[in-house]
Amino acid sequence: MKKLIIFLMLIIISVSTEAQFNKVGRTSLQFLKIGVGGRESALGEASIADPRNINALFWNPAGITVIENLEFSFNYTKWFLDLNVIGVAAGINLGDWGVLAVNYIYLDYGDLDLAPVTSQSGGLDTRTGMKFTGKDLAIGVAYARKFTDKLSIGVNFRYLREDLYKYTTDLFSFDVGSFYNTGWKGIRLAMSAQNFSTQARWLQTGDESIQSYELPLLFRVGWSVDLLGGEDLFLGGNSDQHRVTFNMDAIHSNDYSERLNMGLEYVFLDQFFLRGGYRLNYDEGNLAFGLGVNTKISDFKIQFDYSYVKYDFLNSPHRFTLLLAF
């Protein structure tokens, strides 16, 4: 077990070292960096060490071990420039065999104006009056298992495809992650690495080395602490009444400098949720907040989450999540 953990850490460290020389704007399939989930985005995208439902697989596949039986989530993001992002996930707990899940992300570009690089008339406006469209797609299968009562490890294999105008690229990728509950003072630790893959390529002519583009590799290390909601916690309290959790994730990627995400969640009567988050070293979308509510009908649970992320120069995105647990 220790060898496996060390192996995962060495993968992250080695790839991160290679990626540090990459420049901003050199990666493709940018939709892979759009966060999925109303709860997670409301926490400033600081969530890998605080998994609560099936949506954890979009951030850290090891987190899906929190599923007790069967869960399903539908996520909708009203992105800027009239773009729409849909994310769907479903998972089932197989007992000693672990947790198995499937996931789907779809981004619709809508109708775009066709504009060649140069105009035949010599004018500055190169639009032809015609329209074209594009779409991004990710379909995945995830598996995670508890190796001890504290340690979980997971992996997510995905098929990726991007269509834009008449050009297409498709390839396979995988994510890995770990989650460790220390069992002391409500402290949890986690790390994840996403989008390991070959390079994307749209043109099949010319020099392949200048026609291939890396995917956005994302490396996260995070921790979470329950501050209020238990006698053994730092602020004590009763989990049936009030809970407060603080999360922090550090992110390294191959197309940007290091960033830090922080989030705070307050839970009242285990039914009402108030969340806020802040992201450091981002050009846009630093401040986030959101809310959630759930109800139980017999053994059936339904939860709704919403988040708003403030953008200064682009349309601020809204995210909605509907979660069903059986």
C-alpha atoms as a PDB file:
ATOM      1  CA  MET A   1       0.000   0.000   0.000  1.00  0.00           C
ATOM      2  CA  LYS A   2       2.786   2.445   0.889  1.00  0.00           C
ATOM      3  CA  LYS A   3       4.510   1.652  -2.408  1.00  0.00           C
ATOM      4  CA  LEU A   4       1.339   2.520  -4.339  1.00  0.00           C
ATOM      5  CA  ILE A   5       0.991   5.874  -2.567  1.00  0.00           C
ATOM      6  CA  ILE A   6       4.653   6.692  -3.200  1.00  0.00           C
ATOM      7  CA  PHE A   7       4.213   5.727  -6.867  1.00  0.00           C
ATOM      8  CA  LEU A   8       1.268   8.116  -7.306  1.00  0.00           C
ATOM      9  CA  MET A   9       3.202  10.928  -5.653  1.00  0.00           C
ATOM     10  CA  LEU A  10       6.213  10.350  -7.920  1.00  0.00           C
ATOM     11  CA  ILE A  11       3.968  10.550 -11.002  1.00  0.00           C
ATOM     12  CA  ILE A  12       2.656  13.948  -9.931  1.00  0.00           C
ATOM     13  CA  ILE A  13       6.087  15.311  -8.989  1.00  0.00           C
ATOM     14  CA  SER A  14       7.814  14.108 -12.165  1.00  0.00           C
ATOM     15  CA  VAL A  15       5.146  15.364 -14.565  1.00  0.00           C
ATOM     16  CA  SER A  16       4.865  18.666 -12.676  1.00  0.00           C
ATOM     17  CA  THR A  17       8.613  19.193 -13.067  1.00  0.00           C
ATOM     18  CA  GLU A  18       8.407  18.648 -16.815  1.00  0.00           C
ATOM     19  CA  ALA A  19       5.378  20.939 -17.111  1.00  0.00           C
ATOM     20  CA  GLN A  20       6.897  23.947 -15.405  1.00  0.00           C
ATOM     21  CA  PHE A  21       8.440  25.246 -18.656  1.00  0.00           C
ATOM     22  CA  ASN A  22       5.153  25.266 -20.574  1.00  0.00           C
ATOM     23  CA  LYS A  23       3.608  28.641 -21.344  1.00  0.00           C
ATOM     24  CA  VAL A  24       0.134  30.052 -20.932  1.00  0.00           C
ATOM     25  CA  GLY A  25      -2.248  29.295 -23.804  1.00  0.00           C
ATOM     26  CA  ARG A  26      -0.351  26.281 -25.120  1.00  0.00           C
ATOM     27  CA  THR A  27      -2.883  23.604 -24.141  1.00  0.00           C
ATOM     28  CA  SER A  28      -5.999  22.376 -25.916  1.00  0.00           C
ATOM     29  CA  LEU A  29      -9.416  21.036 -24.856  1.00  0.00           C
ATOM     30  CA  GLN A  30      -9.916  23.900 -22.420  1.00  0.00           C
ATOM     31  CA  PHE A  31     -13.373  22.626 -21.448  1.00  0.00           C
ATOM     32  CA  LEU A  32     -11.603  20.129 -19.176  1.00  0.00           C
ATOM     33  CA  LYS A  33     -10.833  23.018 -16.814  1.00  0.00           C
ATOM     34  CA  ILE A  34     -14.467  24.033 -16.362  1.00  0.00           C
ATOM     35  CA  GLY A  35     -15.475  22.912 -12.890  1.00  0.00           C
ATOM     36  CA  VAL A  36     -18.545  20.671 -12.659  1.00  0.00           C
ATOM     37  CA  GLY A  37     -20.865  20.869  -9.632  1.00  0.00           C
ATOM     38  CA  GLY A  38     -22.785  23.577  -7.808  1.00  0.00           C
ATOM     39  CA  ARG A  39     -21.346  22.673  -4.401  1.00  0.00           C
ATOM     40  CA  GLU A  40     -17.722  22.396  -5.518  1.00  0.00           C
ATOM     41  CA  SER A  41     -17.688  25.648  -7.491  1.00  0.00           C
ATOM     42  CA  ALA A  42     -19.378  27.517  -4.619  1.00  0.00           C
ATOM     43  CA  LEU A  43     -16.472  26.425  -2.409  1.00  0.00           C
ATOM     44  CA  GLY A  44     -14.017  28.133  -4.727  1.00  0.00           C
ATOM     45  CA  GLU A  45     -13.299  24.724  -6.293  1.00  0.00           C
ATOM     46  CA  ALA A  46     -11.589  23.614  -3.070  1.00  0.00           C
ATOM     47  CA  SER A  47     -13.138  20.187  -2.661  1.00  0.00           C
ATOM     48  CA  ILE A  48     -10.808  17.242  -3.338  1.00  0.00           C
ATOM     49  CA  ALA A  49     -10.350  16.495   0.392  1.00  0.00           C
ATOM     50  CA  ASP A  50     -14.038  16.994   1.220  1.00  0.00           C
ATOM     51  CA  PRO A  51     -16.024  14.620  -1.019  1.00  0.00           C
ATOM     52  CA  ARG A  52     -19.738  14.431  -0.224  1.00  0.00           C
ATOM     53  CA  ASN A  53     -21.365  12.858  -3.286  1.00  0.00           C
ATOM     54  CA  ILE A  54     -20.904  11.393  -6.762  1.00  0.00           C
ATOM     55  CA  ASN A  55     -19.707  14.737  -8.163  1.00  0.00           C
ATOM     56  CA  ALA A  56     -16.386  14.114  -6.413  1.00  0.00           C
ATOM     57  CA  LEU A  57     -15.259  12.098  -9.444  1.00  0.00           C
ATOM     58  CA  PHE A  58     -14.997  15.302 -11.519  1.00  0.00           C
ATOM     59  CA  TRP A  59     -12.289  16.496  -9.092  1.00  0.00           C
ATOM     60  CA  ASN A  60     -10.807  13.459  -7.352  1.00  0.00           C
ATOM     61  CA  PRO A  61     -11.978   9.956  -8.377  1.00  0.00           C
ATOM     62  CA  ALA A  62     -10.988   8.549  -4.978  1.00  0.00           C
ATOM     63  CA  GLY A  63     -13.761  10.641  -3.395  1.00  0.00           C
ATOM     64  CA  ILE A  64     -16.580   8.501  -4.795  1.00  0.00           C
ATOM     65  CA  THR A  65     -16.008   5.987  -1.984  1.00  0.00           C
ATOM     66  CA  VAL A  66     -18.313   8.210   0.115  1.00  0.00           C
ATOM     67  CA  ILE A  67     -21.270   6.834  -1.877  1.00  0.00           C
ATOM     68  CA  GLU A  68     -23.325   4.606   0.399  1.00  0.00           C
ATOM     69  CA  ASN A  69     -25.503   2.878  -2.197  1.00  0.00           C
ATOM     70  CA  LEU A  70     -26.571   4.423  -5.512  1.00  0.00           C
ATOM     71  CA  GLU A  71     -26.232   8.088  -6.543  1.00  0.00           C
ATOM     72  CA  PHE A  72     -27.020  10.134  -9.634  1.00  0.00           C
ATOM     73  CA  SER A  73     -26.264  13.780 -10.408  1.00  0.00           C
ATOM     74  CA  PHE A  74     -27.244  16.174 -13.181  1.00  0.00           C
ATOM     75  CA  ASN A  75     -25.201  19.379 -13.498  1.00  0.00           C
ATOM     76  CA  TYR A  76     -25.902  22.387 -15.686  1.00  0.00           C
ATOM     77  CA  THR A  77     -23.600  25.386 -16.110  1.00  0.00           C
ATOM     78  CA  LYS A  78     -24.662  28.573 -17.835  1.00  0.00           C
ATOM     79  CA  TRP A  79     -21.193  29.528 -19.056  1.00  0.00           C
ATOM     80  CA  PHE A  80     -20.256  32.871 -20.550  1.00  0.00           C
ATOM     81  CA  LEU A  81     -20.878  33.770 -24.231  1.00  0.00           C
ATOM     82  CA  ASP A  82     -24.078  31.687 -24.235  1.00  0.00           C
ATOM     83  CA  LEU A  83     -22.143  28.433 -23.845  1.00  0.00           C
ATOM     84  CA  ASN A  84     -23.831  25.571 -21.999  1.00  0.00           C
ATOM     85  CA  VAL A  85     -22.071  22.806 -20.089  1.00  0.00           C
ATOM     86  CA  ILE A  86     -23.842  19.626 -18.987  1.00  0.00           C
ATOM     87  CA  GLY A  87     -22.306  17.101 -16.621  1.00  0.00           C
ATOM     88  CA  VAL A  88     -23.899  13.803 -15.598  1.00  0.00           C
ATOM     89  CA  ALA A  89     -22.606  11.154 -13.205  1.00  0.00           C
ATOM     90  CA  ALA A  90     -23.924   7.946 -11.684  1.00  0.00           C
ATOM     91  CA  GLY A  91     -22.263   5.589  -9.243  1.00  0.00           C
ATOM     92  CA  ILE A  92     -22.948   2.460  -7.226  1.00  0.00           C
ATOM     93  CA  ASN A  93     -21.269   1.056  -4.121  1.00  0.00           C
ATOM     94  CA  LEU A  94     -20.375  -2.605  -4.662  1.00  0.00           C
ATOM     95  CA  GLY A  95     -19.386  -3.242  -1.064  1.00  0.00           C
ATOM     96  CA  ASP A  96     -15.981  -4.907  -0.704  1.00  0.00           C
ATOM     97  CA  TRP A  97     -15.524  -4.641  -4.464  1.00  0.00           C
ATOM     98  CA  GLY A  98     -15.365  -0.831  -4.327  1.00  0.00           C
ATOM     99  CA  VAL A  99     -17.357   1.867  -6.118  1.00  0.00           C
ATOM    100  CA  LEU A 100     -18.044   1.987  -9.852  1.00  0.00           C
ATOM    101  CA  ALA A 101     -19.225   5.142 -11.645  1.00  0.00           C
ATOM    102  CA  VAL A 102     -19.828   6.565 -15.105  1.00  0.00           C
ATOM    103  CA  ASN A 103     -19.608  10.232 -16.081  1.00  0.00           C
ATOM    104  CA  TYR A 104     -20.370  12.497 -19.011  1.00  0.00           C
ATOM    105  CA  ILE A 105     -19.532  16.123 -19.882  1.00  0.00           C
ATOM    106  CA  TYR A 106     -20.846  17.966 -22.911  1.00  0.00           C
ATOM    107  CA  LEU A 107     -20.141  21.548 -24.027  1.00  0.00           C
ATOM    108  CA  ASP A 108     -22.204  23.117 -26.809  1.00  0.00           C
ATOM    109  CA  TYR A 109     -20.620  26.104 -28.575  1.00  0.00           C
ATOM    110  CA  GLY A 110     -23.844  27.222 -30.224  1.00  0.00           C
ATOM    111  CA  ASP A 111     -23.813  29.086 -33.545  1.00  0.00           C
ATOM    112  CA  LEU A 112     -20.640  31.029 -34.357  1.00  0.00           C
ATOM    113  CA  ASP A 113     -19.944  33.501 -37.153  1.00  0.00           C
ATOM    114  CA  LEU A 114     -17.718  32.075 -39.877  1.00  0.00           C
ATOM    115  CA  ALA A 115     -14.819  34.489 -40.404  1.00  0.00           C
ATOM    116  CA  PRO A 116     -11.749  33.565 -42.499  1.00  0.00           C
ATOM    117  CA  VAL A 117      -8.338  34.885 -41.506  1.00  0.00           C
ATOM    118  CA  THR A 118      -8.332  37.359 -44.378  1.00  0.00           C
ATOM    119  CA  SER A 119     -11.124  39.018 -46.344  1.00  0.00           C
ATOM    120  CA  GLN A 120     -11.255  38.707 -50.116  1.00  0.00           C
ATOM    121  CA  SER A 121     -12.494  42.281 -50.306  1.00  0.00           C
ATOM    122  CA  GLY A 122      -9.589  43.540 -48.231  1.00  0.00           C
ATOM    123  CA  GLY A 123     -11.842  44.854 -45.459  1.00  0.00           C
ATOM    124  CA  LEU A 124     -11.308  44.429 -41.726  1.00  0.00           C
ATOM    125  CA  ASP A 125     -14.541  42.514 -41.179  1.00  0.00           C
ATOM    126  CA  THR A 126     -13.921  39.002 -42.515  1.00  0.00           C
ATOM    127  CA  ARG A 127     -17.291  37.514 -41.544  1.00  0.00           C
ATOM    128  CA  THR A 128     -19.024  35.688 -44.395  1.00  0.00           C
ATOM    129  CA  GLY A 129     -22.555  35.718 -42.995  1.00  0.00           C
ATOM    130  CA  MET A 130     -22.466  31.945 -42.606  1.00  0.00           C
ATOM    131  CA  LYS A 131     -22.516  30.046 -39.300  1.00  0.00           C
ATOM    132  CA  PHE A 132     -20.657  27.058 -37.896  1.00  0.00           C
ATOM    133  CA  THR A 133     -20.686  25.259 -34.574  1.00  0.00           C
ATOM    134  CA  GLY A 134     -18.594  23.089 -32.284  1.00  0.00           C
ATOM    135  CA  LYS A 135     -18.843  20.785 -29.319  1.00  0.00           C
ATOM    136  CA  ASP A 136     -16.714  19.091 -26.676  1.00  0.00           C
ATOM    137  CA  LEU A 137     -17.370  15.685 -25.172  1.00  0.00           C
ATOM    138  CA  ALA A 138     -15.940  13.575 -22.347  1.00  0.00           C
ATOM    139  CA  ILE A 139     -17.247  10.113 -21.426  1.00  0.00           C
ATOM    140  CA  GLY A 140     -15.676   8.255 -18.532  1.00  0.00           C
ATOM    141  CA  VAL A 141     -15.709   5.222 -16.281  1.00  0.00           C
ATOM    142  CA  ALA A 142     -14.367   5.588 -12.747  1.00  0.00           C
ATOM    143  CA  TYR A 143     -13.454   3.070 -10.091  1.00  0.00           C
ATOM    144  CA  ALA A 144     -12.402   3.645  -6.484  1.00  0.00           C
ATOM    145  CA  ARG A 145     -11.866   1.455  -3.463  1.00  0.00           C
ATOM    146  CA  LYS A 146     -11.173   1.809   0.239  1.00  0.00           C
ATOM    147  CA  PHE A 147      -7.927   0.006   0.980  1.00  0.00           C
ATOM    148  CA  THR A 148      -8.208   0.747   4.694  1.00  0.00           C
ATOM    149  CA  ASP A 149     -10.836   2.462   6.825  1.00  0.00           C
ATOM    150  CA  LYS A 150      -8.963   5.725   6.145  1.00  0.00           C
ATOM    151  CA  LEU A 151      -7.358   5.454   2.690  1.00  0.00           C
ATOM    152  CA  SER A 152      -9.155   5.476  -0.687  1.00  0.00           C
ATOM    153  CA  ILE A 153      -7.615   5.428  -4.159  1.00  0.00           C
ATOM    154  CA  GLY A 154      -9.457   5.949  -7.434  1.00  0.00           C
ATOM    155  CA  VAL A 155      -9.005   6.280 -11.181  1.00  0.00           C
ATOM    156  CA  ASN A 156     -11.165   7.721 -13.967  1.00  0.00           C
ATOM    157  CA  PHE A 157     -10.683   6.683 -17.619  1.00  0.00           C
ATOM    158  CA  ARG A 158     -12.194   8.999 -20.240  1.00  0.00           C
ATOM    159  CA  TYR A 159     -12.763   9.265 -23.965  1.00  0.00           C
ATOM    160  CA  LEU A 160     -12.375  12.878 -25.150  1.00  0.00           C
ATOM    161  CA  ARG A 161     -13.531  14.492 -28.371  1.00  0.00           C
ATOM    162  CA  GLU A 162     -13.580  18.035 -29.713  1.00  0.00           C
ATOM    163  CA  ASP A 163     -15.342  19.142 -32.912  1.00  0.00           C
ATOM    164  CA  LEU A 164     -14.862  22.654 -34.248  1.00  0.00           C
ATOM    165  CA  TYR A 165     -15.950  23.630 -37.752  1.00  0.00           C
ATOM    166  CA  LYS A 166     -14.718  20.731 -39.926  1.00  0.00           C
ATOM    167  CA  TYR A 167     -11.849  19.670 -37.668  1.00  0.00           C
ATOM    168  CA  THR A 168     -11.980  16.914 -35.063  1.00  0.00           C
ATOM    169  CA  THR A 169      -9.674  15.359 -32.508  1.00  0.00           C
ATOM    170  CA  ASP A 170     -10.345  12.449 -30.192  1.00  0.00           C
ATOM    171  CA  LEU A 171      -8.178  10.664 -27.650  1.00  0.00           C
ATOM    172  CA  PHE A 172      -8.193   8.880 -24.297  1.00  0.00           C
ATOM    173  CA  SER A 173      -7.114  10.191 -20.895  1.00  0.00           C
ATOM    174  CA  PHE A 174      -7.125   9.157 -17.262  1.00  0.00           C
ATOM    175  CA  ASP A 175      -7.229  10.760 -13.806  1.00  0.00           C
ATOM    176  CA  VAL A 176      -5.886   9.354 -10.538  1.00  0.00           C
ATOM    177  CA  GLY A 177      -6.495  10.430  -6.964  1.00  0.00           C
ATOM    178  CA  SER A 178      -6.244   9.510  -3.313  1.00  0.00           C
ATOM    179  CA  PHE A 179      -8.208  10.455  -0.217  1.00  0.00           C
ATOM    180  CA  TYR A 180      -7.102   9.988   3.384  1.00  0.00           C
ATOM    181  CA  ASN A 181      -9.257  10.581   6.451  1.00  0.00           C
ATOM    182  CA  THR A 182      -6.910  11.019   9.392  1.00  0.00           C
ATOM    183  CA  GLY A 183      -9.694  10.424  11.910  1.00  0.00           C
ATOM    184  CA  TRP A 184      -8.286  13.229  14.064  1.00  0.00           C
ATOM    185  CA  LYS A 185     -10.077  16.558  14.561  1.00  0.00           C
ATOM    186  CA  GLY A 186     -12.016  16.103  11.332  1.00  0.00           C
ATOM    187  CA  ILE A 187      -8.894  16.530   9.189  1.00  0.00           C
ATOM    188  CA  ARG A 188      -8.746  14.942   5.722  1.00  0.00           C
ATOM    189  CA  LEU A 189      -6.018  14.968   3.056  1.00  0.00           C
ATOM    190  CA  ALA A 190      -6.159  14.311  -0.678  1.00  0.00           C
ATOM    191  CA  MET A 191      -4.344  14.660  -3.969  1.00  0.00           C
ATOM    192  CA  SER A 192      -5.380  14.200  -7.586  1.00  0.00           C
ATOM    193  CA  ALA A 193      -3.866  14.406 -11.058  1.00  0.00           C
ATOM    194  CA  GLN A 194      -6.088  14.859 -14.112  1.00  0.00           C
ATOM    195  CA  ASN A 195      -5.878  14.598 -17.882  1.00  0.00           C
ATOM    196  CA  PHE A 196      -2.924  12.287 -18.460  1.00  0.00           C
ATOM    197  CA  SER A 197      -3.019  11.677 -22.204  1.00  0.00           C
ATOM    198  CA  THR A 198      -1.269  11.860 -25.538  1.00  0.00           C
ATOM    199  CA  GLN A 199      -1.313  15.160 -27.413  1.00  0.00           C
ATOM    200  CA  ALA A 200      -4.337  16.344 -29.360  1.00  0.00           C
ATOM    201  CA  ARG A 201      -4.041  16.893 -33.093  1.00  0.00           C
ATOM    202  CA  TRP A 202      -6.546  18.329 -35.589  1.00  0.00           C
ATOM    203  CA  LEU A 203      -4.480  18.431 -38.808  1.00  0.00           C
ATOM    204  CA  GLN A 204      -2.888  15.312 -40.266  1.00  0.00           C
ATOM    205  CA  THR A 205      -0.535  17.088 -42.660  1.00  0.00           C
ATOM    206  CA  GLY A 206       2.807  18.758 -42.137  1.00  0.00           C
ATOM    207  CA  ASP A 207       5.064  18.521 -39.121  1.00  0.00           C
ATOM    208  CA  GLU A 208       3.330  16.619 -36.327  1.00  0.00           C
ATOM    209  CA  SER A 209       5.493  18.300 -33.666  1.00  0.00           C
ATOM    210  CA  ILE A 210       3.985  21.726 -34.456  1.00  0.00           C
ATOM    211  CA  GLN A 211       0.446  20.425 -35.000  1.00  0.00           C
ATOM    212  CA  SER A 212       0.062  18.647 -31.644  1.00  0.00           C
ATOM    213  CA  TYR A 213      -1.090  20.219 -28.406  1.00  0.00           C
ATOM    214  CA  GLU A 214      -0.948  19.044 -24.816  1.00  0.00           C
ATOM    215  CA  LEU A 215      -3.998  18.709 -22.606  1.00  0.00           C
ATOM    216  CA  PRO A 216      -4.279  20.883 -19.475  1.00  0.00           C
ATOM    217  CA  LEU A 217      -2.630  18.730 -16.806  1.00  0.00           C
ATOM    218  CA  LEU A 218      -4.032  19.576 -13.384  1.00  0.00           C
ATOM    219  CA  PHE A 219      -2.339  18.555 -10.143  1.00  0.00           C
ATOM    220  CA  ARG A 220      -4.111  19.202  -6.871  1.00  0.00           C
ATOM    221  CA  VAL A 221      -3.126  18.739  -3.246  1.00  0.00           C
ATOM    222  CA  GLY A 222      -5.799  19.551  -0.685  1.00  0.00           C
ATOM    223  CA  TRP A 223      -6.857  19.345   2.924  1.00  0.00           C
ATOM    224  CA  SER A 224     -10.151  19.769   4.746  1.00  0.00           C
ATOM    225  CA  VAL A 225     -11.059  20.250   8.395  1.00  0.00           C
ATOM    226  CA  ASP A 226     -14.422  20.105  10.168  1.00  0.00           C
ATOM    227  CA  LEU A 227     -14.297  23.033  12.590  1.00  0.00           C
ATOM    228  CA  LEU A 228     -17.762  22.758  14.131  1.00  0.00           C
ATOM    229  CA  GLY A 229     -20.090  19.781  14.461  1.00  0.00           C
ATOM    230  CA  GLY A 230     -18.612  17.253  16.878  1.00  0.00           C
ATOM    231  CA  GLU A 231     -17.285  16.979  20.424  1.00  0.00           C
ATOM    232  CA  ASP A 232     -13.769  16.121  19.237  1.00  0.00           C
ATOM    233  CA  LEU A 233     -13.567  19.058  16.776  1.00  0.00           C
ATOM    234  CA  PHE A 234     -11.748  22.331  17.372  1.00  0.00           C
ATOM    235  CA  LEU A 235     -14.978  24.263  18.034  1.00  0.00           C
ATOM    236  CA  GLY A 236     -17.011  21.323  19.397  1.00  0.00           C
ATOM    237  CA  GLY A 237     -20.727  21.371  18.678  1.00  0.00           C
ATOM    238  CA  ASN A 238     -23.413  18.929  17.578  1.00  0.00           C
ATOM    239  CA  SER A 239     -23.437  17.683  13.976  1.00  0.00           C
ATOM    240  CA  ASP A 240     -27.233  17.385  14.023  1.00  0.00           C
ATOM    241  CA  GLN A 241     -27.495  21.165  14.542  1.00  0.00           C
ATOM    242  CA  HIS A 242     -24.577  23.017  12.946  1.00  0.00           C
ATOM    243  CA  ARG A 243     -21.501  22.054  10.916  1.00  0.00           C
ATOM    244  CA  VAL A 244     -18.695  24.225   9.578  1.00  0.00           C
ATOM    245  CA  THR A 245     -15.987  22.908   7.246  1.00  0.00           C
ATOM    246  CA  PHE A 246     -12.960  24.693   5.789  1.00  0.00           C
ATOM    247  CA  ASN A 247     -11.224  23.454   2.618  1.00  0.00           C
ATOM    248  CA  MET A 248      -8.029  24.425   0.829  1.00  0.00           C
ATOM    249  CA  ASP A 249      -6.579  23.139  -2.464  1.00  0.00           C
ATOM    250  CA  ALA A 250      -3.241  24.004  -4.087  1.00  0.00           C
ATOM    251  CA  ILE A 251      -3.193  23.626  -7.894  1.00  0.00           C
ATOM    252  CA  HIS A 252      -0.339  23.270 -10.335  1.00  0.00           C
ATOM    253  CA  SER A 253      -0.944  23.040 -14.087  1.00  0.00           C
ATOM    254  CA  ASN A 254       1.139  22.996 -17.244  1.00  0.00           C
ATOM    255  CA  ASP A 255      -0.414  26.169 -18.660  1.00  0.00           C
ATOM    256  CA  TYR A 256      -0.503  28.550 -15.695  1.00  0.00           C
ATOM    257  CA  SER A 257       1.327  29.438 -12.517  1.00  0.00           C
ATOM    258  CA  GLU A 258       0.438  27.972  -9.120  1.00  0.00           C
ATOM    259  CA  ARG A 259      -2.972  28.793  -7.657  1.00  0.00           C
ATOM    260  CA  LEU A 260      -4.742  28.399  -4.329  1.00  0.00           C
ATOM    261  CA  ASN A 261      -8.444  27.735  -3.723  1.00  0.00           C
ATOM    262  CA  MET A 262     -10.256  28.132  -0.402  1.00  0.00           C
ATOM    263  CA  GLY A 263     -13.823  27.346   0.612  1.00  0.00           C
ATOM    264  CA  LEU A 264     -16.078  27.432   3.680  1.00  0.00           C
ATOM    265  CA  GLU A 265     -19.326  25.512   4.145  1.00  0.00           C
ATOM    266  CA  TYR A 266     -21.980  25.934   6.844  1.00  0.00           C
ATOM    267  CA  VAL A 267     -24.632  23.229   7.311  1.00  0.00           C
ATOM    268  CA  PHE A 268     -27.803  23.689   9.369  1.00  0.00           C
ATOM    269  CA  LEU A 269     -29.843  20.661  10.503  1.00  0.00           C
ATOM    270  CA  ASP A 270     -28.092  18.620   7.789  1.00  0.00           C
ATOM    271  CA  GLN A 271     -30.593  20.120   5.304  1.00  0.00           C
ATOM    272  CA  PHE A 272     -29.562  23.683   4.506  1.00  0.00           C
ATOM    273  CA  PHE A 273     -26.153  24.662   3.123  1.00  0.00           C
ATOM    274  CA  LEU A 274     -24.437  28.022   2.799  1.00  0.00           C
ATOM    275  CA  ARG A 275     -21.103  28.153   0.983  1.00  0.00           C
ATOM    276  CA  GLY A 276     -18.457  30.632  -0.021  1.00  0.00           C
ATOM    277  CA  GLY A 277     -15.062  30.437  -1.691  1.00  0.00           C
ATOM    278  CA  TYR A 278     -12.144  32.428  -3.004  1.00  0.00           C
ATOM    279  CA  ARG A 279      -9.560  31.563  -5.670  1.00  0.00           C
ATOM    280  CA  LEU A 280      -6.117  33.184  -5.648  1.00  0.00           C
ATOM    281  CA  ASN A 281      -4.068  34.010  -8.767  1.00  0.00           C
ATOM    282  CA  TYR A 282      -6.895  33.805 -11.312  1.00  0.00           C
ATOM    283  CA  ASP A 283      -7.561  36.416 -13.993  1.00  0.00           C
ATOM    284  CA  GLU A 284     -11.317  35.986 -13.519  1.00  0.00           C
ATOM    285  CA  GLY A 285     -13.724  34.221 -11.195  1.00  0.00           C
ATOM    286  CA  ASN A 286     -12.054  34.787  -7.825  1.00  0.00           C
ATOM    287  CA  LEU A 287     -15.109  35.099  -5.573  1.00  0.00           C
ATOM    288  CA  ALA A 288     -17.811  32.428  -5.352  1.00  0.00           C
ATOM    289  CA  PHE A 289     -20.794  31.678  -3.183  1.00  0.00           C
ATOM    290  CA  GLY A 290     -23.765  29.339  -3.230  1.00  0.00           C
ATOM    291  CA  LEU A 291     -26.422  27.480  -1.324  1.00  0.00           C
ATOM    292  CA  GLY A 292     -28.035  24.072  -1.173  1.00  0.00           C
ATOM    293  CA  VAL A 293     -30.996  22.244   0.290  1.00  0.00           C
ATOM    294  CA  ASN A 294     -31.906  18.591   0.598  1.00  0.00           C
ATOM    295  CA  THR A 295     -34.791  16.476   1.796  1.00  0.00           C
ATOM    296  CA  LYS A 296     -35.346  12.802   2.509  1.00  0.00           C
ATOM    297  CA  ILE A 297     -38.351  10.708   1.586  1.00  0.00           C
ATOM    298  CA  SER A 298     -37.995   7.338   3.293  1.00  0.00           C
ATOM    299  CA  ASP A 299     -34.581   6.066   2.082  1.00  0.00           C
ATOM    300  CA  PHE A 300     -34.586   8.405  -0.904  1.00  0.00           C
ATOM    301  CA  LYS A 301     -32.630  11.698  -0.803  1.00  0.00           C
ATOM    302  CA  ILE A 302     -32.855  14.628  -3.198  1.00  0.00           C
ATOM    303  CA  GLN A 303     -30.523  17.635  -3.070  1.00  0.00           C
ATOM    304  CA  PHE A 304     -30.301  20.864  -5.031  1.00  0.00           C
ATOM    305  CA  ASP A 305     -27.148  23.016  -5.165  1.00  0.00           C
ATOM    306  CA  TYR A 306     -26.540  26.398  -6.778  1.00  0.00           C
ATOM    307  CA  SER A 307     -23.414  28.511  -7.178  1.00  0.00           C
ATOM    308  CA  TYR A 308     -22.524  31.918  -8.555  1.00  0.00           C
ATOM    309  CA  VAL A 309     -18.962  32.884  -9.496  1.00  0.00           C
ATOM    310  CA  LYS A 310     -18.221  36.583  -9.938  1.00  0.00           C
ATOM    311  CA  TYR A 311     -16.500  37.554 -13.190  1.00  0.00           C
ATOM    312  CA  ASP A 312     -15.464  41.157 -13.882  1.00  0.00           C
ATOM    313  CA  PHE A 313     -15.133  41.193 -17.664  1.00  0.00           C
ATOM    314  CA  LEU A 314     -17.107  38.113 -18.729  1.00  0.00           C
ATOM    315  CA  ASN A 315     -20.610  36.954 -17.926  1.00  0.00           C
ATOM    316  CA  SER A 316     -20.627  35.431 -14.451  1.00  0.00           C
ATOM    317  CA  PRO A 317     -21.480  31.714 -14.701  1.00  0.00           C
ATOM    318  CA  HIS A 318     -24.313  30.061 -12.792  1.00  0.00           C
ATOM    319  CA  ARG A 319     -24.194  26.371 -11.882  1.00  0.00           C
ATOM    320  CA  PHE A 320     -27.046  24.088 -10.861  1.00  0.00           C
ATOM    321  CA  THR A 321     -26.851  20.536  -9.519  1.00  0.00           C
ATOM    322  CA  LEU A 322     -29.609  18.016  -8.892  1.00  0.00           C
ATOM    323  CA  LEU A 323     -28.474  15.047  -6.794  1.00  0.00           C
ATOM    324  CA  LEU A 324     -30.430  11.847  -6.199  1.00  0.00           C
ATOM    325  CA  ALA A 325     -29.332   9.218  -3.653  1.00  0.00           C
ATOM    326  CA  PHE A 326     -31.023   5.858  -3.103  1.00  0.00           C
END
